[in-house]
């Protein structure tokens, strides 16, 4: 159909989603992208963030963590190492992960590494994933 996109989300482990939707927003590496039917062809890298789409008149969300997206015709194909739909996210666990990442980041802030020599950047990534999970679940 010309008024719908086919959204397909794949990870190395499984096909996460295949849905017909009138629109998709996703976290591009340079900022949020909005995709509508008849979009120009596109291949781009994705960052970590919330992917949103509409299915059966309801807004749905998923946490996506890096990967690539291809838009060709009215097909949007997303390839990612990790995708979590809002129903798969344990909100309390995500909050605990945020708290732990903030603590680890605080201990690594002084010298750029924690006491075990782990660079602060690793904890920044953990913090971002925890925040994205919370946003996608909410």
N, C-alpha and C. Protein backbone atom coordinates (compact mmCIF):
# COMPACT_ATOMS: atom_id res chain seq x y z
N UNK A 1 0.83 -1.19 0.00
CA UNK A 1 0.00 0.00 0.00
C UNK A 1 0.87 1.24 0.00
N UNK A 2 0.45 2.23 -0.72
CA UNK A 2 1.23 3.45 -0.84
C UNK A 2 1.16 4.31 0.42
N UNK A 3 0.18 4.08 1.29
CA UNK A 3 0.05 4.91 2.48
C UNK A 3 0.62 4.26 3.73
N UNK A 4 1.25 3.10 3.58
CA UNK A 4 1.87 2.41 4.71
C UNK A 4 3.31 2.01 4.39
N UNK A 5 4.10 1.93 5.44
CA UNK A 5 5.47 1.42 5.36
C UNK A 5 5.47 0.00 5.91
N UNK A 6 6.36 -0.83 5.40
CA UNK A 6 6.62 -2.12 6.01
C UNK A 6 7.87 -1.95 6.86
N UNK A 7 7.72 -2.11 8.16
CA UNK A 7 8.84 -1.98 9.10
C UNK A 7 9.29 -3.37 9.51
N UNK A 8 10.57 -3.63 9.31
CA UNK A 8 11.14 -4.91 9.71
C UNK A 8 12.37 -4.63 10.58
N UNK A 9 12.39 -5.26 11.75
CA UNK A 9 13.50 -5.08 12.69
C UNK A 9 14.14 -6.44 12.92
N UNK A 10 15.45 -6.50 12.68
CA UNK A 10 16.20 -7.75 12.80
C UNK A 10 17.40 -7.58 13.71
N UNK A 11 17.68 -8.61 14.50
CA UNK A 11 18.93 -8.71 15.25
C UNK A 11 19.62 -9.99 14.78
N UNK A 12 20.86 -10.22 15.17
CA UNK A 12 21.51 -11.48 14.78
C UNK A 12 20.77 -12.71 15.31
N UNK A 13 20.01 -12.55 16.40
CA UNK A 13 19.33 -13.68 17.01
C UNK A 13 17.95 -13.96 16.43
N UNK A 14 17.23 -12.88 16.00
CA UNK A 14 15.84 -13.12 15.59
C UNK A 14 15.26 -11.94 14.82
N UNK A 15 14.10 -12.19 14.23
CA UNK A 15 13.29 -11.12 13.64
C UNK A 15 12.45 -10.59 14.80
N UNK A 16 12.69 -9.35 15.18
CA UNK A 16 12.01 -8.76 16.31
C UNK A 16 10.60 -8.32 15.93
N UNK A 17 10.46 -7.78 14.72
CA UNK A 17 9.19 -7.19 14.35
C UNK A 17 9.05 -7.12 12.84
N UNK A 18 7.84 -7.33 12.38
CA UNK A 18 7.47 -7.05 11.00
C UNK A 18 6.07 -6.47 11.08
N UNK A 19 5.92 -5.19 10.69
CA UNK A 19 4.64 -4.50 10.87
C UNK A 19 4.38 -3.52 9.75
N UNK A 20 3.12 -3.24 9.52
CA UNK A 20 2.70 -2.20 8.60
C UNK A 20 2.40 -0.96 9.43
N UNK A 21 2.96 0.18 9.05
CA UNK A 21 2.82 1.39 9.84
C UNK A 21 2.78 2.63 8.93
N UNK A 22 2.06 3.67 9.35
CA UNK A 22 2.04 4.89 8.53
C UNK A 22 3.28 5.76 8.72
N UNK A 23 4.06 5.53 9.78
CA UNK A 23 5.25 6.34 10.04
C UNK A 23 6.19 5.60 11.00
N UNK A 24 7.46 6.03 10.97
CA UNK A 24 8.49 5.50 11.88
C UNK A 24 9.38 6.66 12.27
N UNK A 25 9.74 6.74 13.54
CA UNK A 25 10.83 7.64 13.96
C UNK A 25 11.90 6.77 14.59
N UNK A 26 13.15 7.12 14.35
CA UNK A 26 14.25 6.31 14.87
C UNK A 26 15.47 7.18 15.15
N UNK A 27 16.34 6.68 16.01
CA UNK A 27 17.52 7.46 16.38
C UNK A 27 18.65 7.31 15.37
N UNK A 28 18.76 8.22 14.45
CA UNK A 28 19.89 8.22 13.52
C UNK A 28 21.16 8.60 14.28
N UNK A 29 22.29 8.31 13.72
CA UNK A 29 23.55 8.65 14.40
C UNK A 29 23.75 10.16 14.52
N UNK A 30 23.07 10.93 13.66
CA UNK A 30 23.20 12.39 13.69
C UNK A 30 21.94 13.07 14.23
N UNK A 31 20.99 12.29 14.74
CA UNK A 31 19.75 12.85 15.27
C UNK A 31 18.56 12.01 14.86
N UNK A 32 17.39 12.39 15.35
CA UNK A 32 16.18 11.62 15.08
C UNK A 32 15.74 11.75 13.63
N UNK A 33 15.32 10.61 13.05
CA UNK A 33 14.82 10.58 11.68
C UNK A 33 13.34 10.23 11.69
N UNK A 34 12.58 10.90 10.87
CA UNK A 34 11.18 10.57 10.66
C UNK A 34 11.02 10.03 9.26
N UNK A 35 10.37 8.87 9.15
CA UNK A 35 10.19 8.21 7.86
C UNK A 35 8.70 8.09 7.58
N UNK A 36 8.29 8.56 6.42
CA UNK A 36 6.92 8.45 5.94
C UNK A 36 6.92 7.69 4.62
N UNK A 37 5.77 7.18 4.18
CA UNK A 37 5.72 6.54 2.86
C UNK A 37 6.26 7.49 1.78
N UNK A 38 6.84 6.91 0.76
CA UNK A 38 7.43 7.65 -0.36
C UNK A 38 8.74 8.35 0.02
N UNK A 39 9.36 7.96 1.12
CA UNK A 39 10.63 8.55 1.54
C UNK A 39 11.70 8.23 0.51
N UNK A 40 12.66 9.12 0.35
CA UNK A 40 13.77 8.87 -0.57
C UNK A 40 14.59 7.69 -0.06
N UNK A 41 15.22 6.93 -0.94
CA UNK A 41 16.07 5.82 -0.49
C UNK A 41 17.18 6.33 0.43
N UNK A 42 17.50 5.52 1.44
CA UNK A 42 18.43 5.95 2.47
C UNK A 42 19.06 4.75 3.14
N UNK A 43 20.34 4.84 3.44
CA UNK A 43 21.03 3.90 4.31
C UNK A 43 21.82 4.76 5.27
N UNK A 44 21.65 4.52 6.57
CA UNK A 44 22.37 5.33 7.55
C UNK A 44 22.61 4.52 8.82
N UNK A 45 23.58 4.97 9.59
CA UNK A 45 23.87 4.36 10.88
C UNK A 45 22.88 4.89 11.92
N UNK A 46 22.63 4.08 12.92
CA UNK A 46 21.75 4.47 14.02
C UNK A 46 22.54 4.59 15.30
N UNK A 47 22.03 5.46 16.17
CA UNK A 47 22.57 5.56 17.52
C UNK A 47 21.73 4.73 18.46
N UNK A 48 21.89 4.98 19.73
CA UNK A 48 21.08 4.33 20.75
C UNK A 48 19.93 5.26 21.08
N UNK A 49 18.71 4.76 21.04
CA UNK A 49 17.56 5.60 21.33
C UNK A 49 16.26 4.85 21.17
N UNK A 50 15.18 5.62 21.11
CA UNK A 50 13.84 5.04 21.03
C UNK A 50 13.35 5.07 19.59
N UNK A 51 12.92 3.92 19.11
CA UNK A 51 12.27 3.81 17.82
C UNK A 51 10.77 3.82 18.12
N UNK A 52 10.01 4.61 17.38
CA UNK A 52 8.56 4.67 17.57
C UNK A 52 7.87 4.43 16.24
N UNK A 53 6.70 3.83 16.30
CA UNK A 53 5.90 3.57 15.12
C UNK A 53 4.44 3.40 15.56
N UNK A 54 3.55 3.36 14.60
CA UNK A 54 2.13 3.17 14.91
C UNK A 54 1.67 1.85 14.33
N UNK A 55 0.95 1.09 15.15
CA UNK A 55 0.39 -0.18 14.68
C UNK A 55 -1.02 -0.31 15.23
N UNK A 56 -1.98 -0.57 14.36
CA UNK A 56 -3.39 -0.69 14.75
C UNK A 56 -3.87 0.53 15.53
N UNK A 57 -3.42 1.71 15.09
CA UNK A 57 -3.86 2.96 15.70
C UNK A 57 -3.19 3.30 17.02
N UNK A 58 -2.23 2.48 17.46
CA UNK A 58 -1.54 2.73 18.74
C UNK A 58 -0.06 3.00 18.50
N UNK A 59 0.46 3.96 19.26
CA UNK A 59 1.89 4.25 19.21
C UNK A 59 2.62 3.15 19.98
N UNK A 60 3.66 2.61 19.36
CA UNK A 60 4.48 1.58 20.00
C UNK A 60 5.92 2.04 19.96
N UNK A 61 6.70 1.54 20.92
CA UNK A 61 8.10 1.95 21.02
C UNK A 61 8.99 0.75 21.29
N UNK A 62 10.26 0.93 20.96
CA UNK A 62 11.28 -0.08 21.25
C UNK A 62 12.59 0.65 21.51
N UNK A 63 13.40 0.08 22.37
CA UNK A 63 14.75 0.59 22.61
C UNK A 63 15.67 -0.08 21.59
N UNK A 64 16.38 0.73 20.81
CA UNK A 64 17.34 0.19 19.84
C UNK A 64 18.72 0.73 20.20
N UNK A 65 19.70 -0.13 20.04
CA UNK A 65 21.06 0.24 20.43
C UNK A 65 22.01 -0.01 19.27
N UNK A 66 22.18 1.02 18.49
CA UNK A 66 23.12 1.04 17.38
C UNK A 66 22.75 0.05 16.28
N UNK A 67 23.25 0.29 15.12
CA UNK A 67 22.98 -0.56 13.97
C UNK A 67 22.83 0.28 12.72
N UNK A 68 22.07 -0.23 11.77
CA UNK A 68 21.88 0.42 10.48
C UNK A 68 20.41 0.34 10.08
N UNK A 69 19.99 1.31 9.31
CA UNK A 69 18.63 1.31 8.77
C UNK A 69 18.71 1.57 7.28
N UNK A 70 17.86 0.87 6.54
CA UNK A 70 17.74 1.07 5.09
C UNK A 70 16.28 1.40 4.80
N UNK A 71 16.08 2.46 4.02
CA UNK A 71 14.76 2.82 3.53
C UNK A 71 14.81 2.64 2.02
N UNK A 72 13.96 1.78 1.49
CA UNK A 72 13.91 1.52 0.06
C UNK A 72 12.46 1.34 -0.33
N UNK A 73 11.96 2.23 -1.15
CA UNK A 73 10.54 2.18 -1.48
C UNK A 73 9.75 2.46 -0.22
N UNK A 74 8.80 1.61 0.07
CA UNK A 74 8.02 1.76 1.31
C UNK A 74 8.40 0.70 2.33
N UNK A 75 9.67 0.32 2.31
CA UNK A 75 10.18 -0.68 3.25
C UNK A 75 11.28 -0.05 4.10
N UNK A 76 11.16 -0.21 5.41
CA UNK A 76 12.17 0.25 6.36
C UNK A 76 12.73 -0.99 7.05
N UNK A 77 14.02 -1.25 6.84
CA UNK A 77 14.66 -2.41 7.43
C UNK A 77 15.73 -1.94 8.40
N UNK A 78 15.60 -2.38 9.64
CA UNK A 78 16.51 -1.97 10.70
C UNK A 78 17.31 -3.19 11.14
N UNK A 79 18.62 -3.08 11.14
CA UNK A 79 19.52 -4.14 11.60
C UNK A 79 20.25 -3.62 12.82
N UNK A 80 20.12 -4.32 13.94
CA UNK A 80 20.72 -3.85 15.18
C UNK A 80 21.22 -5.02 16.01
N UNK A 81 22.24 -4.77 16.81
CA UNK A 81 22.74 -5.81 17.71
C UNK A 81 21.75 -6.09 18.82
N UNK A 82 21.04 -5.03 19.30
CA UNK A 82 20.14 -5.21 20.42
C UNK A 82 18.90 -4.34 20.25
N UNK A 83 17.73 -4.95 20.34
CA UNK A 83 16.45 -4.25 20.29
C UNK A 83 15.57 -4.84 21.38
N UNK A 84 14.91 -3.96 22.13
CA UNK A 84 14.00 -4.40 23.18
C UNK A 84 12.67 -3.68 23.01
N UNK A 85 11.60 -4.43 22.79
CA UNK A 85 10.29 -3.81 22.71
C UNK A 85 9.88 -3.35 24.10
N UNK A 86 8.94 -2.42 24.17
CA UNK A 86 8.55 -1.88 25.47
C UNK A 86 8.05 -2.98 26.40
N UNK A 87 7.41 -4.00 25.87
CA UNK A 87 6.92 -5.10 26.70
C UNK A 87 8.03 -5.99 27.25
N UNK A 88 9.19 -5.98 26.64
CA UNK A 88 10.31 -6.81 27.11
C UNK A 88 11.16 -6.12 28.17
N UNK A 89 10.98 -4.84 28.36
CA UNK A 89 11.85 -4.08 29.26
C UNK A 89 11.36 -4.18 30.69
N UNK A 90 12.26 -4.55 31.59
CA UNK A 90 11.99 -4.56 33.03
C UNK A 90 12.37 -3.18 33.55
N UNK A 91 11.37 -2.35 33.82
CA UNK A 91 11.60 -0.96 34.19
C UNK A 91 12.42 -0.84 35.47
N UNK A 92 12.13 -1.65 36.46
CA UNK A 92 12.88 -1.58 37.72
C UNK A 92 14.35 -1.95 37.51
N UNK A 93 14.59 -2.96 36.68
CA UNK A 93 15.97 -3.34 36.37
C UNK A 93 16.70 -2.21 35.64
N UNK A 94 16.00 -1.54 34.72
CA UNK A 94 16.59 -0.42 34.00
C UNK A 94 16.94 0.72 34.95
N UNK A 95 16.09 0.97 35.94
CA UNK A 95 16.38 2.02 36.94
C UNK A 95 17.60 1.65 37.78
N UNK A 96 17.69 0.38 38.15
CA UNK A 96 18.86 -0.08 38.92
C UNK A 96 20.13 0.03 38.08
N UNK A 97 20.04 -0.30 36.81
CA UNK A 97 21.20 -0.20 35.92
C UNK A 97 21.64 1.26 35.77
N UNK A 98 20.67 2.17 35.72
CA UNK A 98 21.01 3.60 35.65
C UNK A 98 21.78 4.02 36.91
N UNK A 99 21.26 3.65 38.07
CA UNK A 99 21.90 4.03 39.33
C UNK A 99 23.33 3.46 39.40
N UNK A 100 23.49 2.20 39.03
CA UNK A 100 24.81 1.58 39.07
C UNK A 100 25.77 2.26 38.10
N UNK A 101 25.30 2.57 36.90
CA UNK A 101 26.15 3.24 35.91
C UNK A 101 26.56 4.62 36.38
N UNK A 102 25.63 5.34 37.03
CA UNK A 102 25.97 6.67 37.57
C UNK A 102 27.05 6.57 38.65
N UNK A 103 26.93 5.56 39.51
CA UNK A 103 27.94 5.35 40.55
C UNK A 103 29.29 5.02 39.94
N UNK A 104 29.30 4.12 38.96
CA UNK A 104 30.55 3.73 38.32
C UNK A 104 31.17 4.91 37.56
N UNK A 105 30.31 5.69 36.92
CA UNK A 105 30.79 6.85 36.19
C UNK A 105 31.40 7.87 37.15
N UNK A 106 30.78 8.04 38.30
CA UNK A 106 31.31 8.95 39.31
C UNK A 106 32.68 8.52 39.81
N UNK A 107 32.88 7.22 40.00
CA UNK A 107 34.17 6.74 40.48
C UNK A 107 35.23 6.81 39.39
N UNK A 108 34.81 6.81 38.12
CA UNK A 108 35.78 6.87 37.02
C UNK A 108 36.06 8.30 36.57
N UNK A 109 35.27 9.24 37.04
CA UNK A 109 35.36 10.62 36.54
C UNK A 109 36.70 11.29 36.84
N UNK A 110 37.29 11.00 37.99
CA UNK A 110 38.50 11.72 38.38
C UNK A 110 39.68 11.48 37.44
N UNK A 111 39.93 10.23 37.07
CA UNK A 111 41.07 9.94 36.21
C UNK A 111 40.69 9.39 34.86
N UNK A 112 39.41 9.37 34.54
CA UNK A 112 38.97 8.82 33.27
C UNK A 112 38.82 7.32 33.28
N UNK A 113 39.19 6.68 34.41
CA UNK A 113 39.06 5.23 34.57
C UNK A 113 38.65 4.94 36.01
N UNK A 114 37.99 3.80 36.22
CA UNK A 114 37.64 3.44 37.59
C UNK A 114 38.83 2.74 38.25
N UNK A 115 38.64 2.25 39.48
CA UNK A 115 39.75 1.63 40.21
C UNK A 115 40.27 0.35 39.56
N UNK A 116 39.46 -0.27 38.69
CA UNK A 116 39.89 -1.47 37.97
C UNK A 116 40.48 -1.14 36.60
N UNK A 117 40.59 0.16 36.28
CA UNK A 117 41.16 0.57 35.01
C UNK A 117 40.17 0.59 33.85
N UNK A 118 38.89 0.47 34.16
CA UNK A 118 37.87 0.47 33.10
C UNK A 118 37.58 1.92 32.73
N UNK A 119 37.64 2.27 31.43
CA UNK A 119 37.43 3.66 31.01
C UNK A 119 36.00 4.14 31.25
N UNK A 120 35.88 5.42 31.54
CA UNK A 120 34.58 6.03 31.83
C UNK A 120 33.61 5.88 30.68
N UNK A 121 34.09 5.83 29.44
CA UNK A 121 33.22 5.69 28.28
C UNK A 121 32.34 4.46 28.34
N UNK A 122 32.82 3.39 28.92
CA UNK A 122 32.03 2.17 29.05
C UNK A 122 30.81 2.43 29.93
N UNK A 123 31.00 3.19 31.00
CA UNK A 123 29.90 3.48 31.91
C UNK A 123 28.93 4.49 31.31
N UNK A 124 29.44 5.38 30.45
CA UNK A 124 28.55 6.32 29.75
C UNK A 124 27.61 5.56 28.83
N UNK A 125 28.13 4.55 28.15
CA UNK A 125 27.30 3.71 27.27
C UNK A 125 26.24 2.96 28.06
N UNK A 126 26.63 2.42 29.22
CA UNK A 126 25.67 1.71 30.08
C UNK A 126 24.57 2.65 30.56
N UNK A 127 24.97 3.86 30.94
CA UNK A 127 23.99 4.84 31.40
C UNK A 127 23.01 5.20 30.28
N UNK A 128 23.53 5.44 29.09
CA UNK A 128 22.66 5.79 27.97
C UNK A 128 21.67 4.67 27.67
N UNK A 129 22.13 3.41 27.66
CA UNK A 129 21.22 2.29 27.39
C UNK A 129 20.15 2.18 28.46
N UNK A 130 20.51 2.41 29.72
CA UNK A 130 19.52 2.34 30.80
C UNK A 130 18.47 3.44 30.65
N UNK A 131 18.90 4.64 30.29
CA UNK A 131 17.96 5.73 30.10
C UNK A 131 17.04 5.50 28.90
N UNK A 132 17.60 4.96 27.81
CA UNK A 132 16.79 4.66 26.62
C UNK A 132 15.75 3.60 26.96
N UNK A 133 16.14 2.57 27.71
CA UNK A 133 15.18 1.52 28.09
C UNK A 133 14.03 2.12 28.89
N UNK A 134 14.35 3.00 29.82
CA UNK A 134 13.29 3.62 30.63
C UNK A 134 12.34 4.44 29.77
N UNK A 135 12.90 5.19 28.84
CA UNK A 135 12.07 6.02 27.98
C UNK A 135 11.17 5.17 27.09
N UNK A 136 11.72 4.08 26.53
CA UNK A 136 10.94 3.20 25.67
C UNK A 136 9.85 2.47 26.44
N UNK A 137 10.12 2.13 27.69
CA UNK A 137 9.12 1.42 28.51
C UNK A 137 8.02 2.35 28.95
N UNK A 138 8.32 3.65 29.09
CA UNK A 138 7.33 4.61 29.59
C UNK A 138 6.52 5.16 28.49
